[in-house]
N, C-alpha and C. Protein backbone atom coordinates (compact mmCIF):
# COMPACT_ATOMS: atom_id res chain seq x y z
N MET A 1 -11.49 9.61 17.71
CA MET A 1 -11.37 9.91 16.49
C MET A 1 -10.03 9.70 15.64
N ILE A 2 -9.84 9.18 14.51
CA ILE A 2 -8.63 8.85 14.04
C ILE A 2 -8.10 10.09 13.26
N ASP A 3 -6.95 10.51 13.49
CA ASP A 3 -6.35 11.71 13.10
C ASP A 3 -5.68 11.30 11.75
N LYS A 4 -6.40 11.58 10.64
CA LYS A 4 -6.05 11.20 9.13
C LYS A 4 -4.65 11.86 8.76
N PHE A 5 -4.16 12.88 9.52
CA PHE A 5 -2.87 13.42 9.20
C PHE A 5 -1.93 13.06 10.21
N ALA A 6 -2.09 11.90 10.98
CA ALA A 6 -1.03 11.46 11.76
C ALA A 6 0.25 10.80 11.03
N ILE A 7 0.00 10.28 9.89
CA ILE A 7 0.99 9.81 9.09
C ILE A 7 1.83 10.87 8.41
N VAL A 8 1.15 11.98 8.06
CA VAL A 8 1.71 13.03 7.33
C VAL A 8 2.80 13.64 8.46
N ARG A 9 2.22 13.82 9.69
CA ARG A 9 3.03 14.48 10.63
C ARG A 9 4.23 13.55 10.99
N GLU A 10 4.03 12.31 11.13
CA GLU A 10 5.23 11.32 11.32
C GLU A 10 6.20 11.22 10.40
N ASP A 11 5.60 11.40 8.93
CA ASP A 11 6.70 11.45 7.79
C ASP A 11 7.60 12.66 7.90
N LEU A 12 6.74 13.85 8.09
CA LEU A 12 7.52 15.15 7.83
C LEU A 12 8.49 15.24 9.25
N HIS A 13 8.13 14.84 10.56
CA HIS A 13 9.13 14.80 11.58
C HIS A 13 10.30 13.97 11.07
N ARG A 14 9.98 12.94 10.52
CA ARG A 14 11.15 11.88 10.45
C ARG A 14 12.08 12.61 9.42
N ARG A 15 11.55 13.21 8.30
CA ARG A 15 12.49 13.65 7.45
C ARG A 15 12.94 15.04 7.51
N TYR A 16 12.42 15.85 8.39
CA TYR A 16 12.77 17.27 8.68
C TYR A 16 13.08 17.39 9.96
N GLY A 17 13.21 16.46 10.94
CA GLY A 17 13.42 16.51 12.37
C GLY A 17 14.98 16.97 12.68
N HIS A 18 15.78 16.83 11.58
CA HIS A 18 17.14 17.13 11.88
C HIS A 18 17.43 18.68 11.58
N ALA A 19 16.37 19.39 10.95
CA ALA A 19 16.71 20.79 10.78
C ALA A 19 15.70 21.55 11.53
N PHE A 20 14.62 21.00 11.90
CA PHE A 20 13.46 22.00 12.72
C PHE A 20 12.99 21.28 14.06
N ASP A 21 12.51 22.07 14.88
CA ASP A 21 12.07 21.48 16.19
C ASP A 21 10.56 20.90 15.85
N ALA A 22 9.95 20.16 16.64
CA ALA A 22 8.67 19.61 16.50
C ALA A 22 7.75 20.59 16.31
N ALA A 23 7.70 21.63 17.08
CA ALA A 23 6.63 22.67 17.16
C ALA A 23 6.70 23.37 15.82
N THR A 24 7.81 23.55 15.31
CA THR A 24 7.83 24.29 13.86
C THR A 24 7.05 23.18 12.70
N ILE A 25 7.39 22.20 12.77
CA ILE A 25 6.86 21.30 11.77
C ILE A 25 5.37 21.12 11.99
N ASP A 26 5.10 21.01 13.21
CA ASP A 26 3.56 20.75 13.56
C ASP A 26 2.79 22.29 12.89
N ARG A 27 3.40 23.45 13.34
CA ARG A 27 2.98 24.51 12.84
C ARG A 27 2.66 24.58 11.41
N ILE A 28 3.78 24.25 10.65
CA ILE A 28 3.40 24.23 9.07
C ILE A 28 2.41 23.29 8.61
N VAL A 29 2.49 22.13 9.35
CA VAL A 29 1.49 21.00 9.05
C VAL A 29 -0.04 21.59 9.22
N ASP A 30 -0.14 22.23 10.53
CA ASP A 30 -1.59 22.73 10.77
C ASP A 30 -1.92 23.82 9.83
N GLU A 31 -0.98 24.69 9.40
CA GLU A 31 -1.23 25.84 8.37
C GLU A 31 -1.75 25.18 7.13
N ALA A 32 -1.18 24.19 6.61
CA ALA A 32 -1.25 23.41 5.43
C ALA A 32 -2.74 22.79 5.46
N ILE A 33 -3.13 22.15 6.67
CA ILE A 33 -4.37 21.53 7.01
C ILE A 33 -5.41 22.65 6.78
N ASP A 34 -5.08 23.78 7.54
CA ASP A 34 -6.21 24.83 7.48
C ASP A 34 -6.52 25.43 6.21
N GLU A 35 -5.40 25.38 5.28
CA GLU A 35 -5.50 26.04 3.91
C GLU A 35 -6.21 25.05 2.90
N ASN A 36 -6.23 23.76 3.31
CA ASN A 36 -6.73 22.62 2.22
C ASN A 36 -7.96 22.15 2.76
N LYS A 37 -8.58 22.68 3.97
CA LYS A 37 -9.76 22.06 4.68
C LYS A 37 -10.98 22.14 3.72
N ASP A 38 -11.20 22.83 2.70
CA ASP A 38 -12.28 23.04 1.91
C ASP A 38 -12.28 22.41 0.69
N ALA A 39 -11.16 21.51 0.41
CA ALA A 39 -10.81 20.84 -0.78
C ALA A 39 -12.14 20.01 -1.05
N LYS A 40 -12.53 19.84 -2.46
CA LYS A 40 -13.77 19.09 -2.75
C LYS A 40 -13.68 17.63 -2.71
N ILE A 41 -12.51 16.98 -2.66
CA ILE A 41 -12.40 15.75 -2.59
C ILE A 41 -11.63 15.52 -1.12
N ALA A 42 -12.25 15.15 -0.15
CA ALA A 42 -11.61 15.05 1.24
C ALA A 42 -10.52 13.93 1.25
N ASP A 43 -10.71 12.80 0.43
CA ASP A 43 -9.69 11.72 0.51
C ASP A 43 -8.32 12.25 0.03
N PHE A 44 -8.19 13.34 -0.90
CA PHE A 44 -6.96 13.72 -1.29
C PHE A 44 -6.45 14.97 -0.40
N VAL A 45 -7.04 15.22 0.67
CA VAL A 45 -6.64 16.37 1.48
C VAL A 45 -5.22 15.95 2.22
N PRO A 46 -4.97 14.67 2.80
CA PRO A 46 -3.68 14.55 3.37
C PRO A 46 -2.58 14.50 2.46
N VAL A 47 -2.93 14.13 1.04
CA VAL A 47 -1.82 14.25 0.02
C VAL A 47 -1.41 15.72 -0.16
N MET A 48 -2.38 16.60 -0.29
CA MET A 48 -2.09 17.95 -0.52
C MET A 48 -1.19 18.59 0.52
N VAL A 49 -1.94 18.23 1.86
CA VAL A 49 -1.10 18.80 3.11
C VAL A 49 0.11 18.31 3.15
N GLU A 50 0.54 17.20 2.85
CA GLU A 50 1.90 16.65 2.91
C GLU A 50 2.81 17.49 1.69
N ARG A 51 2.21 17.50 0.59
CA ARG A 51 2.79 18.13 -0.39
C ARG A 51 3.22 19.72 -0.09
N ASP A 52 2.22 20.44 0.34
CA ASP A 52 2.26 21.76 0.58
C ASP A 52 3.17 21.99 2.00
N ALA A 53 3.09 21.24 2.96
CA ALA A 53 3.95 21.35 4.05
C ALA A 53 5.41 20.94 3.81
N SER A 54 5.65 19.97 2.89
CA SER A 54 6.91 19.54 2.51
C SER A 54 7.86 20.68 1.78
N GLU A 55 6.77 21.44 0.84
CA GLU A 55 7.51 22.51 0.14
C GLU A 55 7.91 23.64 1.07
N ARG A 56 6.99 23.98 2.00
CA ARG A 56 7.37 24.95 2.85
C ARG A 56 8.80 24.69 3.81
N LEU A 57 8.69 23.51 4.24
CA LEU A 57 9.84 23.20 5.05
C LEU A 57 11.17 23.05 4.30
N HIS A 58 11.07 22.78 2.97
CA HIS A 58 12.14 22.61 2.14
C HIS A 58 12.79 24.15 1.85
N GLU A 59 11.72 24.99 1.43
CA GLU A 59 12.03 26.43 1.41
C GLU A 59 12.74 27.16 2.62
N LEU A 60 11.94 26.72 3.75
CA LEU A 60 12.49 27.40 5.02
C LEU A 60 13.79 26.92 5.40
N ALA A 61 14.24 25.53 5.03
CA ALA A 61 15.39 25.19 5.29
C ALA A 61 16.54 25.84 4.34
N GLU A 62 16.09 25.87 3.13
CA GLU A 62 16.99 26.63 2.22
C GLU A 62 17.30 27.99 2.47
N SER A 63 16.25 28.71 3.02
CA SER A 63 16.44 29.99 3.22
C SER A 63 17.21 30.24 4.54
N GLY A 64 17.06 29.37 5.26
CA GLY A 64 17.89 29.42 6.84
C GLY A 64 19.14 28.73 6.76
N GLY A 65 19.67 28.24 5.57
CA GLY A 65 20.93 27.57 5.49
C GLY A 65 21.00 26.40 6.28
N LYS A 66 19.88 25.69 6.47
CA LYS A 66 19.84 24.48 7.38
C LYS A 66 20.08 23.33 6.42
N GLY A 67 20.15 23.25 5.27
CA GLY A 67 20.22 22.25 4.29
C GLY A 67 18.86 21.80 3.89
N ALA A 68 18.52 22.05 2.70
CA ALA A 68 17.12 22.08 2.36
C ALA A 68 16.73 20.56 2.09
N ASN A 69 17.56 19.67 1.95
CA ASN A 69 17.21 18.40 1.43
C ASN A 69 16.68 17.56 2.75
N SER A 70 15.50 16.95 2.59
CA SER A 70 15.17 16.01 3.64
C SER A 70 15.98 14.74 3.61
N ARG A 71 15.93 14.09 4.71
CA ARG A 71 16.62 12.91 4.72
C ARG A 71 16.00 11.96 3.94
N LYS A 72 16.93 11.02 3.25
CA LYS A 72 16.47 10.15 2.09
C LYS A 72 15.90 8.90 3.27
N GLU A 73 14.95 8.22 2.69
CA GLU A 73 14.40 6.96 3.40
C GLU A 73 14.42 5.73 2.53
N ILE A 74 15.08 4.70 3.20
CA ILE A 74 15.04 3.36 2.65
C ILE A 74 14.28 2.39 3.39
N LEU A 75 13.50 1.48 2.71
CA LEU A 75 12.65 0.55 3.38
C LEU A 75 13.29 -0.79 2.98
N TYR A 76 13.55 -1.59 3.83
CA TYR A 76 14.37 -2.94 3.61
C TYR A 76 12.94 -3.97 3.68
N VAL A 77 12.91 -4.79 2.77
CA VAL A 77 11.76 -5.86 2.98
C VAL A 77 12.28 -7.31 2.63
N CYS A 78 12.07 -8.09 3.43
CA CYS A 78 12.16 -9.58 3.19
C CYS A 78 11.10 -10.19 3.65
N GLU A 79 11.03 -11.65 3.51
CA GLU A 79 9.86 -12.49 3.81
C GLU A 79 9.40 -12.30 5.30
N ARG A 80 10.25 -12.69 6.27
CA ARG A 80 9.99 -12.80 7.83
C ARG A 80 10.56 -11.44 8.52
N ASN A 81 11.23 -10.58 7.97
CA ASN A 81 11.96 -9.68 8.85
C ASN A 81 12.66 -10.31 9.93
N ALA A 82 13.27 -11.32 9.55
CA ALA A 82 14.15 -12.05 10.63
C ALA A 82 15.48 -12.11 10.32
N GLY A 83 16.07 -11.79 9.10
CA GLY A 83 17.49 -11.85 8.80
C GLY A 83 17.99 -10.79 7.76
N ARG A 84 17.65 -10.93 6.41
CA ARG A 84 18.17 -10.02 5.70
C ARG A 84 17.84 -8.50 5.93
N SER A 85 16.48 -8.21 6.00
CA SER A 85 16.15 -6.97 6.23
C SER A 85 16.74 -6.37 7.48
N GLN A 86 16.87 -7.24 8.48
CA GLN A 86 17.31 -6.93 9.87
C GLN A 86 18.81 -6.45 9.72
N LEU A 87 19.58 -7.37 8.95
CA LEU A 87 20.96 -7.11 8.77
C LEU A 87 21.13 -5.76 8.07
N ALA A 88 20.41 -5.33 7.02
CA ALA A 88 20.67 -4.20 6.41
C ALA A 88 20.12 -2.99 7.16
N ALA A 89 19.19 -3.10 8.09
CA ALA A 89 18.77 -2.06 8.87
C ALA A 89 19.81 -1.63 9.91
N ALA A 90 20.56 -2.74 10.40
CA ALA A 90 21.51 -2.56 11.52
C ALA A 90 22.70 -2.06 10.80
N LEU A 91 23.08 -2.49 9.43
CA LEU A 91 24.41 -1.94 9.03
C LEU A 91 24.11 -0.54 8.49
N THR A 92 22.89 -0.19 8.18
CA THR A 92 22.69 1.11 7.65
C THR A 92 22.71 2.10 8.82
N HIS A 93 22.35 1.66 9.99
CA HIS A 93 22.33 2.50 11.17
C HIS A 93 23.92 2.68 11.53
N ALA A 94 24.66 1.54 11.51
CA ALA A 94 26.03 1.70 11.95
C ALA A 94 26.86 2.53 10.88
N LEU A 95 26.48 2.49 9.65
CA LEU A 95 27.27 3.37 8.63
C LEU A 95 26.66 4.88 8.38
N ALA A 96 25.51 4.81 8.56
CA ALA A 96 25.08 6.24 8.18
C ALA A 96 24.39 7.02 9.33
N GLY A 97 23.96 6.27 10.65
CA GLY A 97 23.49 6.87 11.79
C GLY A 97 22.07 7.52 11.47
N GLU A 98 22.08 9.00 11.83
CA GLU A 98 20.96 9.64 11.55
C GLU A 98 20.80 10.38 10.21
N LYS A 99 21.94 10.27 9.36
CA LYS A 99 21.76 10.86 8.09
C LYS A 99 20.70 10.39 7.14
N VAL A 100 20.27 9.27 7.31
CA VAL A 100 19.25 8.64 6.64
C VAL A 100 18.00 7.94 7.44
N VAL A 101 16.95 8.02 6.91
CA VAL A 101 15.74 7.19 7.54
C VAL A 101 15.87 5.72 7.02
N TYR A 102 15.34 4.84 7.82
CA TYR A 102 15.40 3.54 7.37
C TYR A 102 14.43 2.63 8.14
N ARG A 103 13.74 1.89 7.44
CA ARG A 103 12.86 0.84 8.13
C ARG A 103 13.15 -0.47 7.49
N SER A 104 12.75 -1.58 8.41
CA SER A 104 12.58 -2.97 7.91
C SER A 104 11.52 -3.52 8.15
N VAL A 105 10.92 -4.29 7.35
CA VAL A 105 9.62 -5.07 7.53
C VAL A 105 9.59 -6.37 6.90
N GLY A 106 8.80 -7.19 7.17
CA GLY A 106 8.69 -8.57 6.64
C GLY A 106 7.09 -8.89 6.09
N LEU A 107 6.86 -9.53 5.07
CA LEU A 107 5.70 -9.85 4.58
C LEU A 107 5.00 -10.62 5.58
N HIS A 108 5.62 -11.58 6.22
CA HIS A 108 4.93 -12.45 7.01
C HIS A 108 5.98 -12.63 8.14
N PRO A 109 6.24 -11.67 9.09
CA PRO A 109 7.17 -11.79 10.28
C PRO A 109 6.79 -12.82 11.38
N THR A 110 7.60 -13.69 11.46
CA THR A 110 7.53 -15.01 12.42
C THR A 110 8.71 -15.47 12.70
N GLY A 111 8.69 -16.00 13.97
CA GLY A 111 9.97 -16.77 14.49
C GLY A 111 10.94 -15.88 15.22
N GLY A 112 10.78 -14.66 15.22
CA GLY A 112 11.85 -13.91 15.97
C GLY A 112 13.09 -13.56 14.97
N ILE A 113 13.84 -12.69 15.25
CA ILE A 113 15.11 -12.43 14.64
C ILE A 113 16.18 -13.61 14.73
N ASN A 114 16.63 -13.83 13.61
CA ASN A 114 17.61 -15.01 13.62
C ASN A 114 18.75 -14.82 14.46
N PRO A 115 18.85 -15.69 15.44
CA PRO A 115 20.05 -15.55 16.54
C PRO A 115 21.48 -15.45 15.90
N GLN A 116 21.59 -16.27 14.92
CA GLN A 116 22.91 -16.17 14.19
C GLN A 116 23.29 -14.59 13.45
N VAL A 117 22.15 -14.05 13.15
CA VAL A 117 22.29 -12.68 12.43
C VAL A 117 22.80 -11.72 13.69
N LEU A 118 22.09 -11.92 14.83
CA LEU A 118 22.28 -11.17 16.04
C LEU A 118 23.97 -11.35 16.50
N GLN A 119 24.33 -12.78 16.51
CA GLN A 119 25.69 -13.13 16.68
C GLN A 119 26.62 -12.33 15.81
N VAL A 120 26.41 -12.40 14.59
CA VAL A 120 27.27 -11.57 13.59
C VAL A 120 27.35 -10.14 13.79
N LEU A 121 26.38 -9.53 13.92
CA LEU A 121 26.36 -8.13 14.30
C LEU A 121 27.00 -7.76 15.56
N THR A 122 26.95 -8.70 16.61
CA THR A 122 27.57 -8.44 17.74
C THR A 122 29.17 -8.68 17.62
N GLU A 123 29.41 -9.78 16.81
CA GLU A 123 31.01 -9.89 16.48
C GLU A 123 31.46 -8.58 15.88
N ARG A 124 30.76 -7.95 15.15
CA ARG A 124 31.34 -6.78 14.39
C ARG A 124 31.03 -5.60 15.19
N GLY A 125 30.64 -5.58 16.42
CA GLY A 125 30.56 -4.29 17.18
C GLY A 125 29.38 -3.47 16.83
N ILE A 126 28.39 -4.08 16.06
CA ILE A 126 27.24 -3.37 15.54
C ILE A 126 26.07 -3.51 16.59
N ASP A 127 25.65 -2.44 17.05
CA ASP A 127 24.35 -2.29 17.83
C ASP A 127 23.23 -2.98 17.09
N HIS A 128 22.57 -3.85 17.95
CA HIS A 128 21.18 -4.30 17.40
C HIS A 128 20.23 -4.40 18.29
N GLY A 129 20.33 -3.52 19.49
CA GLY A 129 19.31 -3.50 20.38
C GLY A 129 17.96 -3.00 20.23
N PHE A 130 18.03 -2.23 19.01
CA PHE A 130 16.74 -1.51 18.52
C PHE A 130 16.03 -2.35 17.58
N LEU A 131 16.56 -3.44 17.19
CA LEU A 131 15.79 -4.20 16.22
C LEU A 131 14.68 -5.02 16.71
N TYR A 132 13.68 -4.99 16.06
CA TYR A 132 12.49 -5.80 16.36
C TYR A 132 11.76 -6.27 15.07
N GLN A 133 11.07 -7.39 15.04
CA GLN A 133 10.21 -7.91 13.90
C GLN A 133 9.10 -7.04 13.77
N LYS A 134 8.73 -6.72 12.53
CA LYS A 134 7.56 -5.93 12.45
C LYS A 134 6.97 -6.35 10.83
N GLY A 135 5.83 -6.17 10.91
CA GLY A 135 5.00 -6.25 9.50
C GLY A 135 4.92 -5.01 8.72
N ILE A 136 4.09 -5.24 7.50
CA ILE A 136 4.09 -4.06 6.66
C ILE A 136 2.43 -3.34 7.00
N VAL A 137 2.75 -1.96 7.13
CA VAL A 137 1.66 -1.23 7.35
C VAL A 137 1.52 -0.23 6.07
N PRO A 138 0.42 -0.60 5.36
CA PRO A 138 0.14 0.23 3.99
C PRO A 138 0.18 1.74 4.26
N ARG A 139 1.07 2.47 3.70
CA ARG A 139 0.92 3.91 3.87
C ARG A 139 0.60 4.73 2.56
N VAL A 140 -0.84 5.09 2.73
CA VAL A 140 -1.16 5.68 1.54
C VAL A 140 -0.69 7.00 0.98
N VAL A 141 -0.01 7.80 1.97
CA VAL A 141 0.42 9.01 1.61
C VAL A 141 1.85 8.94 1.25
N HIS A 142 2.64 8.22 2.10
CA HIS A 142 4.23 8.28 2.00
C HIS A 142 4.82 7.27 1.31
N ALA A 143 5.77 7.67 0.52
CA ALA A 143 6.65 6.72 -0.43
C ALA A 143 8.14 6.81 0.16
N SER A 144 8.67 5.75 0.37
CA SER A 144 10.21 5.86 0.57
C SER A 144 10.92 6.05 -0.76
N ASP A 145 12.10 6.65 -0.61
CA ASP A 145 12.93 7.09 -1.65
C ASP A 145 13.24 5.60 -2.47
N VAL A 146 13.69 4.70 -1.50
CA VAL A 146 13.99 3.42 -2.24
C VAL A 146 13.47 2.17 -1.26
N VAL A 147 12.72 1.31 -2.02
CA VAL A 147 12.37 -0.01 -1.47
C VAL A 147 13.15 -1.02 -2.04
N VAL A 148 13.77 -1.66 -0.95
CA VAL A 148 14.82 -2.81 -1.22
C VAL A 148 14.25 -4.14 -0.85
N LEU A 149 13.96 -5.08 -2.03
CA LEU A 149 13.29 -6.11 -1.76
C LEU A 149 14.39 -7.27 -1.79
N MET A 150 14.27 -8.28 -0.85
CA MET A 150 15.03 -9.35 -0.57
C MET A 150 14.44 -10.58 -0.54
N GLY A 151 14.38 -11.39 -1.53
CA GLY A 151 13.61 -12.64 -1.55
C GLY A 151 12.18 -12.38 -1.56
N VAL A 152 11.67 -11.32 -1.94
CA VAL A 152 10.22 -11.19 -2.20
C VAL A 152 10.11 -10.34 -3.58
N ASP A 153 8.87 -10.58 -4.33
CA ASP A 153 8.84 -9.89 -5.51
C ASP A 153 8.08 -8.49 -5.62
N GLU A 154 7.36 -8.38 -4.54
CA GLU A 154 6.59 -6.97 -4.62
C GLU A 154 6.24 -6.90 -3.06
N VAL A 155 5.83 -5.58 -2.92
CA VAL A 155 5.14 -5.33 -1.50
C VAL A 155 3.80 -4.60 -1.54
N PRO A 156 2.72 -5.32 -1.62
CA PRO A 156 1.31 -4.62 -1.97
C PRO A 156 1.04 -3.49 -0.92
N GLY A 157 0.68 -2.44 -1.64
CA GLY A 157 0.40 -1.25 -0.81
C GLY A 157 1.35 -0.38 -0.20
N VAL A 158 2.74 -0.55 -0.62
CA VAL A 158 3.70 0.33 0.10
C VAL A 158 4.37 0.87 -1.10
N PRO A 159 3.97 2.13 -1.45
CA PRO A 159 4.77 2.90 -2.41
C PRO A 159 6.29 3.06 -2.21
N GLY A 160 6.74 3.38 -3.55
CA GLY A 160 8.28 3.86 -3.32
C GLY A 160 8.72 4.78 -4.49
N GLN A 161 9.49 5.49 -4.45
CA GLN A 161 9.91 6.27 -5.64
C GLN A 161 10.86 5.28 -6.46
N ARG A 162 11.46 4.29 -5.77
CA ARG A 162 12.42 3.35 -6.63
C ARG A 162 12.37 2.06 -5.89
N THR A 163 12.23 1.12 -6.55
CA THR A 163 12.27 -0.33 -5.96
C THR A 163 13.40 -1.01 -6.63
N VAL A 164 14.29 -1.68 -5.90
CA VAL A 164 15.42 -2.53 -6.12
C VAL A 164 15.27 -3.79 -5.56
N LYS A 165 15.90 -4.94 -6.21
CA LYS A 165 15.83 -6.17 -5.94
C LYS A 165 17.47 -6.57 -5.43
N TRP A 166 17.53 -7.09 -4.29
CA TRP A 166 19.02 -7.68 -3.88
C TRP A 166 18.83 -9.11 -3.84
N ASP A 167 19.71 -9.72 -4.59
CA ASP A 167 19.84 -11.35 -4.48
C ASP A 167 20.85 -11.48 -3.65
N VAL A 168 20.17 -11.70 -2.36
CA VAL A 168 20.86 -12.07 -1.28
C VAL A 168 20.24 -13.37 -0.44
N GLU A 169 21.23 -14.43 -0.20
CA GLU A 169 20.71 -15.70 0.38
C GLU A 169 20.04 -15.45 1.59
N ASP A 170 19.00 -16.10 1.90
CA ASP A 170 18.23 -16.25 3.26
C ASP A 170 19.13 -16.80 4.11
N PRO A 171 19.60 -16.17 5.46
CA PRO A 171 20.29 -16.75 6.47
C PRO A 171 19.80 -17.96 7.28
N GLU A 172 18.49 -18.12 7.13
CA GLU A 172 17.66 -18.95 7.97
C GLU A 172 18.26 -20.53 7.73
N GLY A 173 18.57 -21.00 8.61
CA GLY A 173 19.28 -22.46 8.81
C GLY A 173 20.50 -22.68 8.24
N LYS A 174 21.08 -21.58 7.89
CA LYS A 174 22.63 -21.63 7.48
C LYS A 174 23.53 -21.53 8.63
N ASP A 175 24.82 -22.17 8.37
CA ASP A 175 25.59 -22.17 9.51
C ASP A 175 26.45 -20.73 9.60
N ILE A 176 27.10 -20.47 10.71
CA ILE A 176 27.55 -19.19 11.21
C ILE A 176 28.51 -18.48 9.90
N ALA A 177 29.27 -19.41 9.27
CA ALA A 177 30.13 -18.81 8.41
C ALA A 177 29.36 -18.50 7.22
N VAL A 178 28.38 -18.95 6.84
CA VAL A 178 27.51 -18.60 5.73
C VAL A 178 26.98 -17.19 6.00
N VAL A 179 26.44 -17.19 7.34
CA VAL A 179 25.72 -15.89 7.86
C VAL A 179 26.76 -14.73 7.87
N ARG A 180 28.08 -15.03 8.00
CA ARG A 180 29.17 -14.16 7.95
C ARG A 180 29.16 -13.56 6.69
N ALA A 181 29.13 -14.42 5.75
CA ALA A 181 29.36 -13.93 4.36
C ALA A 181 28.10 -13.37 3.75
N ILE A 182 27.01 -13.66 4.17
CA ILE A 182 25.72 -12.96 3.85
C ILE A 182 25.81 -11.43 4.37
N ALA A 183 26.29 -11.40 5.63
CA ALA A 183 26.51 -9.98 6.13
C ALA A 183 27.40 -9.12 5.45
N ASP A 184 28.40 -9.70 4.93
CA ASP A 184 29.46 -9.11 4.03
C ASP A 184 28.84 -8.68 2.71
N GLN A 185 28.05 -9.40 2.22
CA GLN A 185 27.42 -9.03 1.02
C GLN A 185 26.37 -7.90 1.17
N VAL A 186 25.66 -8.10 2.23
CA VAL A 186 24.76 -6.97 2.51
C VAL A 186 25.26 -5.55 2.78
N GLU A 187 26.22 -5.74 3.54
CA GLU A 187 27.12 -4.57 3.88
C GLU A 187 27.62 -3.87 2.54
N GLY A 188 28.12 -4.48 1.74
CA GLY A 188 28.45 -4.03 0.46
C GLY A 188 27.43 -3.45 -0.19
N LYS A 189 26.33 -4.02 -0.31
CA LYS A 189 25.11 -3.48 -1.09
C LYS A 189 24.55 -1.98 -0.48
N VAL A 190 24.63 -2.14 0.97
CA VAL A 190 24.32 -0.98 1.74
C VAL A 190 25.12 0.08 1.52
N ARG A 191 26.42 -0.08 1.65
CA ARG A 191 27.44 1.03 1.16
C ARG A 191 27.13 1.67 -0.17
N GLY A 192 27.00 0.61 -1.11
CA GLY A 192 26.60 1.08 -2.56
C GLY A 192 25.37 2.08 -2.65
N LEU A 193 24.30 1.52 -1.79
CA LEU A 193 22.97 2.46 -1.99
C LEU A 193 23.17 3.64 -1.25
N LEU A 194 23.78 3.71 -0.15
CA LEU A 194 24.21 4.99 0.56
C LEU A 194 25.06 6.03 -0.23
N ALA A 195 25.94 5.44 -1.02
CA ALA A 195 26.72 6.18 -1.90
C ALA A 195 25.88 6.71 -3.10
N GLU A 196 24.76 6.09 -3.74
CA GLU A 196 23.96 6.32 -4.55
C GLU A 196 23.13 7.52 -4.28
N LEU A 197 22.81 7.42 -2.96
CA LEU A 197 21.84 8.58 -2.23
C LEU A 197 22.56 9.70 -1.79
N GLY A 198 23.85 9.66 -1.98
CA GLY A 198 24.72 10.87 -1.59
C GLY A 198 24.81 10.92 0.11
N VAL A 199 24.80 9.80 0.75
CA VAL A 199 24.82 9.86 2.21
C VAL A 199 26.31 9.24 2.59
N SER A 200 27.03 10.17 3.31
CA SER A 200 28.24 9.66 3.54
C SER A 200 28.69 9.67 4.97
């Protein structure tokens, strides 16, 4: 049986895991599920559960002095998830660590991660061992705080509170000097976005 609340749990663990242990988050989700189980429109139950559980976690964090705000989430999107979005993800990890949640995806992930992108990250001492190519999994309930589009116009089925477009050249087929310049540009944009989100 498919757990229709799995995405809700995943999202809340990711956003509040810095403030609460897994058991506490699961307990609050379970309580919200129980309270909404008799809703007339079953399809809306996951939405209501996430809303209610998120509000309770926020209030609990605030009252406990743990920092009420959930971690901001950024979704980086490019065509193949091979270059630009991977650069952005690695740079976000290097600059913000666990202070922000980030993901990178591609509309049509193919060909593996650009080796020159990995080389440039290595030159800068930036970890890239966690990177891998991935496609889009539409998420009905969850919306990132910011969806960053690089070289694509839209991302069907992926909601976001705010969508921005970055005009960044595709590193595919470019020589290493150009890829370094692209990395500089992406780093500047990532730093600016993190500052906007209040992540230091």
